[in-house]
Amino acid sequence: MPSSNSRCNKSLSECHVTLASPFFAQEHPVATFSFRPACAFPVWQPVAAVRPAMSAPWWQWVASTDSLTARLINAGGERRFRVRLLRQEVGMPRLDEAQALGIAPRRYAWLREVALCVGDSPWVVARSVAPLTQLQGQHLKRLGERSLGSWLFQQPDLVRGPIEASTCQPRFAYPQDDKARSRWGRRSVFQHGGLSLLVQEHFLTTMADDLGLPSR
């Protein structure tokens, strides 16, 4: 498997990675918004509010508050877990993202989109958003293809906000595959050392198929 493209050594404001790995270019082409969202705008609800529509196996994934990285590694068994960086840049967050972070619209933010893969299959696509003014000293731009969770859950002062869930499709880059659609999405805001970080994760049908999970 070819290694990912060389990481950006410029300052954060100059860094723009549009496709960080030949893996998706060759096996899972990356496209932005190729999923037609089931909702015109993301509809996020407290996870408890969607509990009646969610099966017990999915509840164990969507409502969990521990490290998703650790859960995926455990569920994958002997299959290799890896992170594929799809996009990392400075840009404008969407309106719902700015509202979730409590920042004014059209303020620059750090944006990161990845696919979390087990074996050759992308199981989760994730998008992280953080206000640009809060990034000093956080070293997020150095993550590369390291899992954000592997860093985040090592922080002793970490506080996780309430989890919200959605059945809408991802509205960001993902491994293009007609068979891969989102079953459930979730998001929450993490607080650490003066940093507010919105993390959105969408669980794909490829994960459901590999683990034998129900449709909902």
C-alpha atoms as a PDB file:
ATOM      1  CA  MET A   1       0.000   0.000   0.000  1.00  0.00           C
ATOM      2  CA  PRO A   2       1.536   3.329  -1.007  1.00  0.00           C
ATOM      3  CA  SER A   3       2.321   5.732   1.784  1.00  0.00           C
ATOM      4  CA  SER A   4       0.336   8.953   2.163  1.00  0.00           C
ATOM      5  CA  ASN A   5       1.475  12.162   0.525  1.00  0.00           C
ATOM      6  CA  SER A   6       4.095  14.161   2.389  1.00  0.00           C
ATOM      7  CA  ARG A   7       2.592  16.273   5.101  1.00  0.00           C
ATOM      8  CA  CYS A   8       2.379  20.023   4.856  1.00  0.00           C
ATOM      9  CA  ASN A   9       5.270  21.773   6.583  1.00  0.00           C
ATOM     10  CA  LYS A  10       3.877  25.267   6.084  1.00  0.00           C
ATOM     11  CA  SER A  11       2.121  27.266   8.741  1.00  0.00           C
ATOM     12  CA  LEU A  12      -1.424  26.246   9.588  1.00  0.00           C
ATOM     13  CA  SER A  13      -2.922  29.145   7.651  1.00  0.00           C
ATOM     14  CA  GLU A  14      -1.199  27.898   4.481  1.00  0.00           C
ATOM     15  CA  CYS A  15      -1.854  24.206   4.937  1.00  0.00           C
ATOM     16  CA  HIS A  16      -4.467  22.723   2.602  1.00  0.00           C
ATOM     17  CA  VAL A  17      -4.534  18.993   2.022  1.00  0.00           C
ATOM     18  CA  THR A  18      -7.127  17.990  -0.545  1.00  0.00           C
ATOM     19  CA  LEU A  19      -6.300  14.296  -0.873  1.00  0.00           C
ATOM     20  CA  ALA A  20      -3.731  12.841   1.446  1.00  0.00           C
ATOM     21  CA  SER A  21      -3.674   9.221   0.388  1.00  0.00           C
ATOM     22  CA  PRO A  22      -3.518   7.288  -2.895  1.00  0.00           C
ATOM     23  CA  PHE A  23      -5.569   4.615  -1.082  1.00  0.00           C
ATOM     24  CA  PHE A  24      -8.780   6.455  -1.830  1.00  0.00           C
ATOM     25  CA  ALA A  25      -7.647   7.767  -5.180  1.00  0.00           C
ATOM     26  CA  GLN A  26      -7.183   4.216  -6.399  1.00  0.00           C
ATOM     27  CA  GLU A  27      -9.590   2.098  -4.364  1.00  0.00           C
ATOM     28  CA  HIS A  28     -12.110   4.489  -2.854  1.00  0.00           C
ATOM     29  CA  PRO A  29     -12.169   7.785  -4.826  1.00  0.00           C
ATOM     30  CA  VAL A  30     -12.875  10.788  -2.642  1.00  0.00           C
ATOM     31  CA  ALA A  31     -15.616  13.217  -3.581  1.00  0.00           C
ATOM     32  CA  THR A  32     -17.191  16.087  -1.711  1.00  0.00           C
ATOM     33  CA  PHE A  33     -20.981  15.998  -1.279  1.00  0.00           C
ATOM     34  CA  SER A  34     -21.349  12.958  -3.526  1.00  0.00           C
ATOM     35  CA  PHE A  35     -23.730  11.660  -0.891  1.00  0.00           C
ATOM     36  CA  ARG A  36     -26.946  13.543  -1.518  1.00  0.00           C
ATOM     37  CA  PRO A  37     -27.958  14.520   2.011  1.00  0.00           C
ATOM     38  CA  ALA A  38     -31.226  12.980   3.166  1.00  0.00           C
ATOM     39  CA  CYS A  39     -31.912  16.336   4.854  1.00  0.00           C
ATOM     40  CA  ALA A  40     -31.492  19.798   3.388  1.00  0.00           C
ATOM     41  CA  PHE A  41     -29.678  20.769   6.601  1.00  0.00           C
ATOM     42  CA  PRO A  42     -28.221  18.540   9.297  1.00  0.00           C
ATOM     43  CA  VAL A  43     -30.859  17.680  11.892  1.00  0.00           C
ATOM     44  CA  TRP A  44     -29.133  16.965  15.176  1.00  0.00           C
ATOM     45  CA  GLN A  45     -31.079  15.748  18.197  1.00  0.00           C
ATOM     46  CA  PRO A  46     -30.003  14.694  21.695  1.00  0.00           C
ATOM     47  CA  VAL A  47     -29.039  11.059  21.418  1.00  0.00           C
ATOM     48  CA  ALA A  48     -31.628  10.102  24.044  1.00  0.00           C
ATOM     49  CA  ALA A  49     -34.367  11.534  21.810  1.00  0.00           C
ATOM     50  CA  VAL A  50     -33.572   9.097  18.997  1.00  0.00           C
ATOM     51  CA  ARG A  51     -33.153   6.102  21.315  1.00  0.00           C
ATOM     52  CA  PRO A  52     -36.589   4.624  20.409  1.00  0.00           C
ATOM     53  CA  ALA A  53     -35.587   4.503  16.715  1.00  0.00           C
ATOM     54  CA  MET A  54     -32.169   2.974  17.377  1.00  0.00           C
ATOM     55  CA  SER A  55     -31.427  -0.713  17.870  1.00  0.00           C
ATOM     56  CA  ALA A  56     -29.453  -1.838  20.911  1.00  0.00           C
ATOM     57  CA  PRO A  57     -26.300  -2.698  18.883  1.00  0.00           C
ATOM     58  CA  TRP A  58     -26.212   0.767  17.331  1.00  0.00           C
ATOM     59  CA  TRP A  59     -26.889   2.414  20.688  1.00  0.00           C
ATOM     60  CA  GLN A  60     -23.691   0.832  21.989  1.00  0.00           C
ATOM     61  CA  TRP A  61     -21.762   2.638  19.247  1.00  0.00           C
ATOM     62  CA  VAL A  62     -23.564   5.960  18.885  1.00  0.00           C
ATOM     63  CA  ALA A  63     -24.112   6.711  22.586  1.00  0.00           C
ATOM     64  CA  SER A  64     -20.680   5.563  23.780  1.00  0.00           C
ATOM     65  CA  THR A  65     -18.543   8.231  25.453  1.00  0.00           C
ATOM     66  CA  ASP A  66     -15.188   6.456  25.409  1.00  0.00           C
ATOM     67  CA  SER A  67     -12.634   6.441  22.571  1.00  0.00           C
ATOM     68  CA  LEU A  68     -14.119   5.456  19.214  1.00  0.00           C
ATOM     69  CA  THR A  69     -10.609   4.611  18.002  1.00  0.00           C
ATOM     70  CA  ALA A  70     -10.219   2.017  20.761  1.00  0.00           C
ATOM     71  CA  ARG A  71     -13.652   0.560  19.996  1.00  0.00           C
ATOM     72  CA  LEU A  72     -12.892   0.227  16.285  1.00  0.00           C
ATOM     73  CA  ILE A  73      -9.542  -1.433  16.952  1.00  0.00           C
ATOM     74  CA  ASN A  74     -11.203  -3.906  19.300  1.00  0.00           C
ATOM     75  CA  ALA A  75     -14.075  -4.648  16.897  1.00  0.00           C
ATOM     76  CA  GLY A  76     -11.693  -5.120  13.984  1.00  0.00           C
ATOM     77  CA  GLY A  77      -9.818  -7.940  15.681  1.00  0.00           C
ATOM     78  CA  GLU A  78      -6.778  -8.879  13.618  1.00  0.00           C
ATOM     79  CA  ARG A  79      -7.657  -6.465  10.828  1.00  0.00           C
ATOM     80  CA  ARG A  80      -5.457  -3.397  10.709  1.00  0.00           C
ATOM     81  CA  PHE A  81      -6.918  -0.071  11.853  1.00  0.00           C
ATOM     82  CA  ARG A  82      -5.745   3.012   9.999  1.00  0.00           C
ATOM     83  CA  VAL A  83      -6.640   6.652   9.515  1.00  0.00           C
ATOM     84  CA  ARG A  84      -6.799   8.130   6.034  1.00  0.00           C
ATOM     85  CA  LEU A  85      -6.562  11.907   5.896  1.00  0.00           C
ATOM     86  CA  LEU A  86      -9.018  13.195   3.300  1.00  0.00           C
ATOM     87  CA  ARG A  87      -8.754  16.937   3.827  1.00  0.00           C
ATOM     88  CA  GLN A  88      -7.167  19.374   6.257  1.00  0.00           C
ATOM     89  CA  GLU A  89      -7.421  23.107   5.783  1.00  0.00           C
ATOM     90  CA  VAL A  90      -8.320  26.477   7.191  1.00  0.00           C
ATOM     91  CA  GLY A  91     -11.791  27.506   6.052  1.00  0.00           C
ATOM     92  CA  MET A  92     -15.266  28.600   7.016  1.00  0.00           C
ATOM     93  CA  PRO A  93     -17.313  26.230   9.174  1.00  0.00           C
ATOM     94  CA  ARG A  94     -20.924  25.558   8.229  1.00  0.00           C
ATOM     95  CA  LEU A  95     -23.558  27.538  10.082  1.00  0.00           C
ATOM     96  CA  ASP A  96     -24.642  24.583  12.240  1.00  0.00           C
ATOM     97  CA  GLU A  97     -20.983  23.950  13.156  1.00  0.00           C
ATOM     98  CA  ALA A  98     -20.412  27.567  14.167  1.00  0.00           C
ATOM     99  CA  GLN A  99     -23.568  27.449  16.285  1.00  0.00           C
ATOM    100  CA  ALA A 100     -22.462  24.230  17.986  1.00  0.00           C
ATOM    101  CA  LEU A 101     -19.108  25.833  18.850  1.00  0.00           C
ATOM    102  CA  GLY A 102     -20.682  29.105  19.944  1.00  0.00           C
ATOM    103  CA  ILE A 103     -18.668  31.196  17.499  1.00  0.00           C
ATOM    104  CA  ALA A 104     -19.778  33.893  15.091  1.00  0.00           C
ATOM    105  CA  PRO A 105     -20.555  32.778  11.521  1.00  0.00           C
ATOM    106  CA  ARG A 106     -17.875  33.248   8.883  1.00  0.00           C
ATOM    107  CA  ARG A 107     -14.989  33.040  11.319  1.00  0.00           C
ATOM    108  CA  TYR A 108     -12.048  30.994  10.125  1.00  0.00           C
ATOM    109  CA  ALA A 109     -11.666  27.520  11.618  1.00  0.00           C
ATOM    110  CA  TRP A 110      -9.391  24.504  11.394  1.00  0.00           C
ATOM    111  CA  LEU A 111     -11.142  21.758   9.438  1.00  0.00           C
ATOM    112  CA  ARG A 112     -10.086  18.111   9.280  1.00  0.00           C
ATOM    113  CA  GLU A 113     -11.839  15.230   7.503  1.00  0.00           C
ATOM    114  CA  VAL A 114     -10.750  11.598   7.772  1.00  0.00           C
ATOM    115  CA  ALA A 115     -11.890   8.066   7.135  1.00  0.00           C
ATOM    116  CA  LEU A 116     -11.351   5.520   9.889  1.00  0.00           C
ATOM    117  CA  CYS A 117     -10.657   2.204   8.191  1.00  0.00           C
ATOM    118  CA  VAL A 118     -10.526  -1.378   9.348  1.00  0.00           C
ATOM    119  CA  GLY A 119      -8.758  -3.610   6.871  1.00  0.00           C
ATOM    120  CA  ASP A 120      -9.576  -2.215   3.436  1.00  0.00           C
ATOM    121  CA  SER A 121     -12.990  -0.855   4.438  1.00  0.00           C
ATOM    122  CA  PRO A 122     -13.810   2.663   5.629  1.00  0.00           C
ATOM    123  CA  TRP A 123     -16.072   2.185   8.656  1.00  0.00           C
ATOM    124  CA  VAL A 124     -16.438   5.790   9.822  1.00  0.00           C
ATOM    125  CA  VAL A 125     -15.965   9.195   8.226  1.00  0.00           C
ATOM    126  CA  ALA A 126     -15.330  12.080  10.581  1.00  0.00           C
ATOM    127  CA  ARG A 127     -15.040  15.863  10.436  1.00  0.00           C
ATOM    128  CA  SER A 128     -13.467  17.972  13.175  1.00  0.00           C
ATOM    129  CA  VAL A 129     -13.817  21.743  13.490  1.00  0.00           C
ATOM    130  CA  ALA A 130     -11.984  24.081  15.880  1.00  0.00           C
ATOM    131  CA  PRO A 131     -11.877  27.907  16.070  1.00  0.00           C
ATOM    132  CA  LEU A 132      -8.630  29.125  14.553  1.00  0.00           C
ATOM    133  CA  THR A 133      -8.063  31.521  17.462  1.00  0.00           C
ATOM    134  CA  GLN A 134      -7.889  28.611  19.936  1.00  0.00           C
ATOM    135  CA  LEU A 135      -5.283  26.453  18.180  1.00  0.00           C
ATOM    136  CA  GLN A 136      -2.084  27.938  19.588  1.00  0.00           C
ATOM    137  CA  GLY A 137      -0.075  25.262  21.356  1.00  0.00           C
ATOM    138  CA  GLN A 138      -2.482  22.425  20.512  1.00  0.00           C
ATOM    139  CA  HIS A 139      -0.353  20.839  17.735  1.00  0.00           C
ATOM    140  CA  LEU A 140      -3.394  19.561  15.864  1.00  0.00           C
ATOM    141  CA  LYS A 141      -1.843  20.283  12.486  1.00  0.00           C
ATOM    142  CA  ARG A 142       0.816  17.655  13.262  1.00  0.00           C
ATOM    143  CA  LEU A 143      -1.662  14.793  13.610  1.00  0.00           C
ATOM    144  CA  GLY A 144      -1.280  13.658  10.002  1.00  0.00           C
ATOM    145  CA  GLU A 145      -2.747  10.157   9.813  1.00  0.00           C
ATOM    146  CA  ARG A 146      -2.755   9.672  13.554  1.00  0.00           C
ATOM    147  CA  SER A 147      -6.189   9.283  15.103  1.00  0.00           C
ATOM    148  CA  LEU A 148      -7.485  12.471  16.733  1.00  0.00           C
ATOM    149  CA  GLY A 149      -9.049  10.331  19.456  1.00  0.00           C
ATOM    150  CA  SER A 150      -5.701   8.752  20.338  1.00  0.00           C
ATOM    151  CA  TRP A 151      -4.498  12.245  21.243  1.00  0.00           C
ATOM    152  CA  LEU A 152      -7.715  13.689  22.611  1.00  0.00           C
ATOM    153  CA  PHE A 153      -8.454  10.961  25.144  1.00  0.00           C
ATOM    154  CA  GLN A 154      -4.979  11.304  26.639  1.00  0.00           C
ATOM    155  CA  GLN A 155      -5.765  14.821  27.865  1.00  0.00           C
ATOM    156  CA  PRO A 156      -6.463  14.737  31.624  1.00  0.00           C
ATOM    157  CA  ASP A 157      -8.706  17.817  31.551  1.00  0.00           C
ATOM    158  CA  LEU A 158     -10.884  16.596  28.666  1.00  0.00           C
ATOM    159  CA  VAL A 159     -14.599  17.353  28.967  1.00  0.00           C
ATOM    160  CA  ARG A 160     -17.063  15.955  26.451  1.00  0.00           C
ATOM    161  CA  GLY A 161     -20.320  17.769  25.787  1.00  0.00           C
ATOM    162  CA  PRO A 162     -23.671  16.057  25.153  1.00  0.00           C
ATOM    163  CA  ILE A 163     -23.871  13.701  22.185  1.00  0.00           C
ATOM    164  CA  GLU A 164     -26.292  14.554  19.400  1.00  0.00           C
ATOM    165  CA  ALA A 165     -27.351  12.118  16.679  1.00  0.00           C
ATOM    166  CA  SER A 166     -28.643  12.345  13.124  1.00  0.00           C
ATOM    167  CA  THR A 167     -29.700  10.090  10.266  1.00  0.00           C
ATOM    168  CA  CYS A 168     -28.568  12.628   7.630  1.00  0.00           C
ATOM    169  CA  GLN A 169     -25.793  11.704   5.236  1.00  0.00           C
ATOM    170  CA  PRO A 170     -22.334  13.306   5.659  1.00  0.00           C
ATOM    171  CA  ARG A 171     -21.957  16.696   3.999  1.00  0.00           C
ATOM    172  CA  PHE A 172     -18.212  16.463   3.518  1.00  0.00           C
ATOM    173  CA  ALA A 173     -15.548  14.399   1.766  1.00  0.00           C
ATOM    174  CA  TYR A 174     -15.786  10.641   2.104  1.00  0.00           C
ATOM    175  CA  PRO A 175     -14.668   7.473   0.285  1.00  0.00           C
ATOM    176  CA  GLN A 176     -16.990   7.338  -2.718  1.00  0.00           C
ATOM    177  CA  ASP A 177     -18.691   3.967  -2.863  1.00  0.00           C
ATOM    178  CA  ASP A 178     -22.288   3.270  -3.825  1.00  0.00           C
ATOM    179  CA  LYS A 179     -22.470   0.690  -1.053  1.00  0.00           C
ATOM    180  CA  ALA A 180     -21.152   3.010   1.646  1.00  0.00           C
ATOM    181  CA  ARG A 181     -23.756   5.266   3.188  1.00  0.00           C
ATOM    182  CA  SER A 182     -24.160   6.579   6.694  1.00  0.00           C
ATOM    183  CA  ARG A 183     -26.400   4.635   9.062  1.00  0.00           C
ATOM    184  CA  TRP A 184     -26.039   7.014  11.987  1.00  0.00           C
ATOM    185  CA  GLY A 185     -24.155  10.221  12.581  1.00  0.00           C
ATOM    186  CA  ARG A 186     -23.208  11.748  15.910  1.00  0.00           C
ATOM    187  CA  ARG A 187     -21.435  14.853  17.126  1.00  0.00           C
ATOM    188  CA  SER A 188     -20.246  16.427  20.343  1.00  0.00           C
ATOM    189  CA  VAL A 189     -18.021  19.292  21.452  1.00  0.00           C
ATOM    190  CA  PHE A 190     -14.855  18.478  23.396  1.00  0.00           C
ATOM    191  CA  GLN A 191     -13.230  21.016  25.712  1.00  0.00           C
ATOM    192  CA  HIS A 192      -9.527  20.873  26.500  1.00  0.00           C
ATOM    193  CA  GLY A 193      -7.088  23.562  27.620  1.00  0.00           C
ATOM    194  CA  GLY A 194      -9.149  26.446  26.266  1.00  0.00           C
ATOM    195  CA  LEU A 195      -9.870  24.601  23.008  1.00  0.00           C
ATOM    196  CA  SER A 196     -13.409  23.819  21.828  1.00  0.00           C
ATOM    197  CA  LEU A 197     -13.403  21.027  19.235  1.00  0.00           C
ATOM    198  CA  LEU A 198     -16.503  19.829  17.394  1.00  0.00           C
ATOM    199  CA  VAL A 199     -16.176  16.191  16.299  1.00  0.00           C
ATOM    200  CA  GLN A 200     -18.716  14.709  13.891  1.00  0.00           C
ATOM    201  CA  GLU A 201     -18.638  10.974  13.111  1.00  0.00           C
ATOM    202  CA  HIS A 202     -20.743   9.028  10.617  1.00  0.00           C
ATOM    203  CA  PHE A 203     -20.961   5.241  10.861  1.00  0.00           C
ATOM    204  CA  LEU A 204     -21.052   3.674   7.382  1.00  0.00           C
ATOM    205  CA  THR A 205     -22.898   0.710   5.909  1.00  0.00           C
ATOM    206  CA  THR A 206     -19.519  -0.949   5.288  1.00  0.00           C
ATOM    207  CA  MET A 207     -19.090  -1.123   9.065  1.00  0.00           C
ATOM    208  CA  ALA A 208     -22.632  -2.443   9.509  1.00  0.00           C
ATOM    209  CA  ASP A 209     -22.039  -5.150   6.904  1.00  0.00           C
ATOM    210  CA  ASP A 210     -18.691  -6.234   8.373  1.00  0.00           C
ATOM    211  CA  LEU A 211     -20.081  -6.436  11.916  1.00  0.00           C
ATOM    212  CA  GLY A 212     -23.552  -7.720  11.035  1.00  0.00           C
ATOM    213  CA  LEU A 213     -25.305  -4.692  12.509  1.00  0.00           C
ATOM    214  CA  PRO A 214     -28.980  -3.987  11.753  1.00  0.00           C
ATOM    215  CA  SER A 215     -30.036  -1.203   9.390  1.00  0.00           C
ATOM    216  CA  ARG A 216     -30.967   1.061  12.309  1.00  0.00           C
END
